Amino acid sequence: MDADTRGERMKPRLYLETTVPSYLMSSPSRDLIIAGHQQITREWWQTRKDAFRCHVSQLVIDEAAAGDPVAARERLLVLRDIPLLDLVPDVELLASAILSAGVIPKKAATDAAHIAVAAVHKMDFLLTWNCTHIANAFTARLIARACNRLGFDCPVICTPETLLGA
């Protein structure tokens, strides 16, 4: 194994949830908070992304492909070289457990699935701007507990802002 391969293998593994490429590629918002998140996302992408081994799942691809065709094409373009994690049976099992625990509402089943993909595939981080169901301090321990019950470690769930200084 050469030094480049070894260096790549030592990088933390990171799952990119759909909100990250969405904020990255969207037009600047008039909402100051969203505009700030967009700017932080662009800064993270330009300065920190390469410090991680980034991954997505088919869930991210499907969500990124939805909506306005021009915007969808831009989101998919930025995701094209990011490795895809398989939706193995344990993902469905863990997502169901998270939903059954009532941590995330059933209407947000895809959010539970994003967490499950990241945990099952042993990601170090799950990067998201979804602070309603995923990066939420009130649910973080409950999500970790649901993962641990089935023998999975929960990744650190965070926003791009928290990984800027890493």
C-alpha atoms as a PDB file:
ATOM      1  CA  MET A   1       0.000   0.000   0.000  1.00  0.00           C
ATOM      2  CA  ASP A   2       1.510   3.342  -1.024  1.00  0.00           C
ATOM      3  CA  ALA A   3       1.545   6.449   1.183  1.00  0.00           C
ATOM      4  CA  ASP A   4      -1.345   8.095  -0.715  1.00  0.00           C
ATOM      5  CA  THR A   5      -3.604   5.075  -0.220  1.00  0.00           C
ATOM      6  CA  ARG A   6      -2.632   4.797   3.446  1.00  0.00           C
ATOM      7  CA  GLY A   7      -3.291   8.526   3.977  1.00  0.00           C
ATOM      8  CA  GLU A   8      -6.705   8.236   2.350  1.00  0.00           C
ATOM      9  CA  ARG A   9      -7.596   5.251   4.556  1.00  0.00           C
ATOM     10  CA  MET A  10      -6.716   7.234   7.684  1.00  0.00           C
ATOM     11  CA  LYS A  11      -9.166  10.041   6.879  1.00  0.00           C
ATOM     12  CA  PRO A  12     -12.416  10.014   8.871  1.00  0.00           C
ATOM     13  CA  ARG A  13     -15.398   8.516   7.041  1.00  0.00           C
ATOM     14  CA  LEU A  14     -18.268  10.939   6.471  1.00  0.00           C
ATOM     15  CA  TYR A  15     -21.829  10.421   5.230  1.00  0.00           C
ATOM     16  CA  LEU A  16     -23.223  13.408   3.330  1.00  0.00           C
ATOM     17  CA  GLU A  17     -26.956  13.754   3.908  1.00  0.00           C
ATOM     18  CA  THR A  18     -28.945  15.432   1.117  1.00  0.00           C
ATOM     19  CA  THR A  19     -29.206  18.867   2.709  1.00  0.00           C
ATOM     20  CA  VAL A  20     -25.457  19.422   2.259  1.00  0.00           C
ATOM     21  CA  PRO A  21     -25.383  19.213  -1.559  1.00  0.00           C
ATOM     22  CA  SER A  22     -28.722  21.035  -1.615  1.00  0.00           C
ATOM     23  CA  TYR A  23     -27.324  24.009   0.313  1.00  0.00           C
ATOM     24  CA  LEU A  24     -24.086  23.833  -1.667  1.00  0.00           C
ATOM     25  CA  MET A  25     -25.739  24.118  -5.063  1.00  0.00           C
ATOM     26  CA  SER A  26     -28.779  26.286  -4.328  1.00  0.00           C
ATOM     27  CA  SER A  27     -29.106  29.944  -5.233  1.00  0.00           C
ATOM     28  CA  PRO A  28     -28.352  32.320  -2.370  1.00  0.00           C
ATOM     29  CA  SER A  29     -31.340  32.638  -0.079  1.00  0.00           C
ATOM     30  CA  ARG A  30     -32.841  35.910   1.138  1.00  0.00           C
ATOM     31  CA  ASP A  31     -33.334  34.258   4.526  1.00  0.00           C
ATOM     32  CA  LEU A  32     -30.246  35.283   6.490  1.00  0.00           C
ATOM     33  CA  ILE A  33     -29.957  32.003   8.404  1.00  0.00           C
ATOM     34  CA  ILE A  34     -30.256  29.850   5.300  1.00  0.00           C
ATOM     35  CA  ALA A  35     -27.845  32.156   3.427  1.00  0.00           C
ATOM     36  CA  GLY A  36     -25.369  31.701   6.277  1.00  0.00           C
ATOM     37  CA  HIS A  37     -25.751  27.933   6.116  1.00  0.00           C
ATOM     38  CA  GLN A  38     -25.197  28.048   2.363  1.00  0.00           C
ATOM     39  CA  GLN A  39     -22.018  30.083   2.776  1.00  0.00           C
ATOM     40  CA  ILE A  40     -20.716  27.788   5.519  1.00  0.00           C
ATOM     41  CA  THR A  41     -21.466  24.773   3.320  1.00  0.00           C
ATOM     42  CA  ARG A  42     -19.533  26.273   0.405  1.00  0.00           C
ATOM     43  CA  GLU A  43     -16.617  27.092   2.692  1.00  0.00           C
ATOM     44  CA  TRP A  44     -16.615  23.570   4.174  1.00  0.00           C
ATOM     45  CA  TRP A  45     -16.785  22.015   0.691  1.00  0.00           C
ATOM     46  CA  GLN A  46     -13.863  24.113  -0.573  1.00  0.00           C
ATOM     47  CA  THR A  47     -11.612  23.910   2.480  1.00  0.00           C
ATOM     48  CA  ARG A  48     -12.494  20.793   4.509  1.00  0.00           C
ATOM     49  CA  LYS A  49     -14.238  18.188   2.328  1.00  0.00           C
ATOM     50  CA  ASP A  50     -10.970  16.611   1.210  1.00  0.00           C
ATOM     51  CA  ALA A  51     -10.001  15.926   4.835  1.00  0.00           C
ATOM     52  CA  PHE A  52     -12.742  13.243   4.875  1.00  0.00           C
ATOM     53  CA  ARG A  53     -13.653  10.124   2.929  1.00  0.00           C
ATOM     54  CA  CYS A  54     -17.137  11.207   1.871  1.00  0.00           C
ATOM     55  CA  HIS A  55     -19.934   8.780   1.048  1.00  0.00           C
ATOM     56  CA  VAL A  56     -23.593   8.965   0.083  1.00  0.00           C
ATOM     57  CA  SER A  57     -26.357   6.426  -0.394  1.00  0.00           C
ATOM     58  CA  GLN A  58     -28.980   5.887  -3.052  1.00  0.00           C
ATOM     59  CA  LEU A  59     -31.327   7.774  -0.705  1.00  0.00           C
ATOM     60  CA  VAL A  60     -29.210  10.904  -1.179  1.00  0.00           C
ATOM     61  CA  ILE A  61     -29.079  10.405  -4.941  1.00  0.00           C
ATOM     62  CA  ASP A  62     -32.862   9.954  -5.119  1.00  0.00           C
ATOM     63  CA  GLU A  63     -33.551  13.044  -3.016  1.00  0.00           C
ATOM     64  CA  ALA A  64     -30.984  15.120  -4.924  1.00  0.00           C
ATOM     65  CA  ALA A  65     -32.606  14.070  -8.221  1.00  0.00           C
ATOM     66  CA  ALA A  66     -36.038  15.331  -7.149  1.00  0.00           C
ATOM     67  CA  GLY A  67     -37.479  18.751  -7.819  1.00  0.00           C
ATOM     68  CA  ASP A  68     -36.435  21.304 -10.409  1.00  0.00           C
ATOM     69  CA  PRO A  69     -34.564  19.474 -13.209  1.00  0.00           C
ATOM     70  CA  VAL A  70     -31.827  22.116 -13.556  1.00  0.00           C
ATOM     71  CA  ALA A  71     -31.164  22.232  -9.785  1.00  0.00           C
ATOM     72  CA  ALA A  72     -31.318  18.420  -9.601  1.00  0.00           C
ATOM     73  CA  ARG A  73     -28.728  18.118 -12.378  1.00  0.00           C
ATOM     74  CA  GLU A  74     -26.386  20.471 -10.469  1.00  0.00           C
ATOM     75  CA  ARG A  75     -26.807  18.512  -7.220  1.00  0.00           C
ATOM     76  CA  LEU A  76     -26.191  15.202  -8.964  1.00  0.00           C
ATOM     77  CA  LEU A  77     -23.145  16.603 -10.723  1.00  0.00           C
ATOM     78  CA  VAL A  78     -21.495  17.523  -7.427  1.00  0.00           C
ATOM     79  CA  LEU A  79     -22.268  14.023  -6.066  1.00  0.00           C
ATOM     80  CA  ARG A  80     -21.107  12.055  -9.105  1.00  0.00           C
ATOM     81  CA  ASP A  81     -17.679  11.007  -7.777  1.00  0.00           C
ATOM     82  CA  ILE A  82     -18.721  10.304  -4.198  1.00  0.00           C
ATOM     83  CA  PRO A  83     -18.849   6.573  -3.379  1.00  0.00           C
ATOM     84  CA  LEU A  84     -22.241   5.004  -2.791  1.00  0.00           C
ATOM     85  CA  LEU A  85     -22.983   2.965   0.338  1.00  0.00           C
ATOM     86  CA  ASP A  86     -25.234  -0.060  -0.108  1.00  0.00           C
ATOM     87  CA  LEU A  87     -28.687  -0.200   1.434  1.00  0.00           C
ATOM     88  CA  VAL A  88     -28.042  -3.546   3.117  1.00  0.00           C
ATOM     89  CA  PRO A  89     -30.746  -5.306   5.210  1.00  0.00           C
ATOM     90  CA  ASP A  90     -29.290  -3.959   8.482  1.00  0.00           C
ATOM     91  CA  VAL A  91     -30.081  -0.422   7.274  1.00  0.00           C
ATOM     92  CA  GLU A  92     -33.793  -1.211   7.122  1.00  0.00           C
ATOM     93  CA  LEU A  93     -33.610  -2.999  10.480  1.00  0.00           C
ATOM     94  CA  LEU A  94     -31.931  -0.048  12.217  1.00  0.00           C
ATOM     95  CA  ALA A  95     -34.121   2.567  10.521  1.00  0.00           C
ATOM     96  CA  SER A  96     -37.204   0.656  11.694  1.00  0.00           C
ATOM     97  CA  ALA A  97     -35.819   0.518  15.234  1.00  0.00           C
ATOM     98  CA  ILE A  98     -35.205   4.276  15.232  1.00  0.00           C
ATOM     99  CA  LEU A  99     -38.764   4.880  14.019  1.00  0.00           C
ATOM    100  CA  SER A 100     -40.226   2.362  16.490  1.00  0.00           C
ATOM    101  CA  ALA A 101     -38.433   4.100  19.353  1.00  0.00           C
ATOM    102  CA  GLY A 102     -40.313   7.266  18.413  1.00  0.00           C
ATOM    103  CA  VAL A 103     -37.095   9.235  18.056  1.00  0.00           C
ATOM    104  CA  ILE A 104     -38.022  10.358  14.552  1.00  0.00           C
ATOM    105  CA  PRO A 105     -41.623  10.546  13.323  1.00  0.00           C
ATOM    106  CA  LYS A 106     -42.734   7.958  10.782  1.00  0.00           C
ATOM    107  CA  LYS A 107     -43.360  10.729   8.225  1.00  0.00           C
ATOM    108  CA  ALA A 108     -39.577  11.336   8.289  1.00  0.00           C
ATOM    109  CA  ALA A 109     -38.622   7.701   7.653  1.00  0.00           C
ATOM    110  CA  THR A 110     -35.931   8.715   5.155  1.00  0.00           C
ATOM    111  CA  ASP A 111     -34.201  10.705   7.910  1.00  0.00           C
ATOM    112  CA  ALA A 112     -34.067   7.564  10.042  1.00  0.00           C
ATOM    113  CA  ALA A 113     -32.696   5.686   7.027  1.00  0.00           C
ATOM    114  CA  HIS A 114     -29.887   8.243   6.550  1.00  0.00           C
ATOM    115  CA  ILE A 115     -28.847   7.706  10.171  1.00  0.00           C
ATOM    116  CA  ALA A 116     -29.068   3.940   9.738  1.00  0.00           C
ATOM    117  CA  VAL A 117     -26.918   3.955   6.584  1.00  0.00           C
ATOM    118  CA  ALA A 118     -24.240   5.984   8.353  1.00  0.00           C
ATOM    119  CA  ALA A 119     -24.269   3.785  11.465  1.00  0.00           C
ATOM    120  CA  VAL A 120     -24.385   0.435   9.666  1.00  0.00           C
ATOM    121  CA  HIS A 121     -21.483   1.451   7.411  1.00  0.00           C
ATOM    122  CA  LYS A 122     -19.439   2.682  10.384  1.00  0.00           C
ATOM    123  CA  MET A 123     -19.205   6.310   9.328  1.00  0.00           C
ATOM    124  CA  ASP A 124     -17.390   8.574  11.769  1.00  0.00           C
ATOM    125  CA  PHE A 125     -19.632  11.543  10.898  1.00  0.00           C
ATOM    126  CA  LEU A 126     -23.065  12.197   9.440  1.00  0.00           C
ATOM    127  CA  LEU A 127     -23.070  15.705   7.949  1.00  0.00           C
ATOM    128  CA  THR A 128     -26.434  17.442   7.634  1.00  0.00           C
ATOM    129  CA  TRP A 129     -28.347  20.686   7.917  1.00  0.00           C
ATOM    130  CA  ASN A 130     -31.481  18.776   8.953  1.00  0.00           C
ATOM    131  CA  CYS A 131     -31.647  20.005  12.532  1.00  0.00           C
ATOM    132  CA  THR A 132     -35.307  19.071  12.920  1.00  0.00           C
ATOM    133  CA  HIS A 133     -34.869  15.301  12.940  1.00  0.00           C
ATOM    134  CA  ILE A 134     -31.196  14.450  12.532  1.00  0.00           C
ATOM    135  CA  ALA A 135     -28.757  17.019  13.990  1.00  0.00           C
ATOM    136  CA  ASN A 136     -30.910  17.708  17.001  1.00  0.00           C
ATOM    137  CA  ALA A 137     -29.549  17.884  20.537  1.00  0.00           C
ATOM    138  CA  PHE A 138     -32.832  16.618  21.984  1.00  0.00           C
ATOM    139  CA  THR A 139     -32.788  13.435  19.931  1.00  0.00           C
ATOM    140  CA  ALA A 140     -29.024  12.751  19.747  1.00  0.00           C
ATOM    141  CA  ARG A 141     -28.875  10.466  22.808  1.00  0.00           C
ATOM    142  CA  LEU A 142     -32.054   8.667  21.775  1.00  0.00           C
ATOM    143  CA  ILE A 143     -30.675   8.065  18.289  1.00  0.00           C
ATOM    144  CA  ALA A 144     -27.392   6.782  19.754  1.00  0.00           C
ATOM    145  CA  ARG A 145     -29.300   4.531  22.158  1.00  0.00           C
ATOM    146  CA  ALA A 146     -31.379   3.051  19.321  1.00  0.00           C
ATOM    147  CA  CYS A 147     -28.174   2.369  17.338  1.00  0.00           C
ATOM    148  CA  ASN A 148     -26.397   0.839  20.345  1.00  0.00           C
ATOM    149  CA  ARG A 149     -29.330  -1.487  21.116  1.00  0.00           C
ATOM    150  CA  LEU A 150     -28.745  -3.174  17.780  1.00  0.00           C
ATOM    151  CA  GLY A 151     -24.958  -3.194  18.151  1.00  0.00           C
ATOM    152  CA  PHE A 152     -24.136  -0.177  15.988  1.00  0.00           C
ATOM    153  CA  ASP A 153     -22.160   2.885  16.966  1.00  0.00           C
ATOM    154  CA  CYS A 154     -23.908   6.114  16.083  1.00  0.00           C
ATOM    155  CA  PRO A 155     -21.757   8.462  14.009  1.00  0.00           C
ATOM    156  CA  VAL A 156     -21.186  11.990  15.236  1.00  0.00           C
ATOM    157  CA  ILE A 157     -24.113  13.879  13.763  1.00  0.00           C
ATOM    158  CA  CYS A 158     -23.169  17.441  12.930  1.00  0.00           C
ATOM    159  CA  THR A 159     -23.470  20.380  10.567  1.00  0.00           C
ATOM    160  CA  PRO A 160     -20.747  21.641   8.238  1.00  0.00           C
ATOM    161  CA  GLU A 161     -20.195  24.524  10.643  1.00  0.00           C
ATOM    162  CA  THR A 162     -19.036  22.178  13.388  1.00  0.00           C
ATOM    163  CA  LEU A 163     -16.475  20.572  11.063  1.00  0.00           C
ATOM    164  CA  LEU A 164     -14.984  23.782   9.705  1.00  0.00           C
ATOM    165  CA  GLY A 165     -12.250  23.927  12.313  1.00  0.00           C
ATOM    166  CA  ALA A 166     -11.508  20.208  12.366  1.00  0.00           C
END
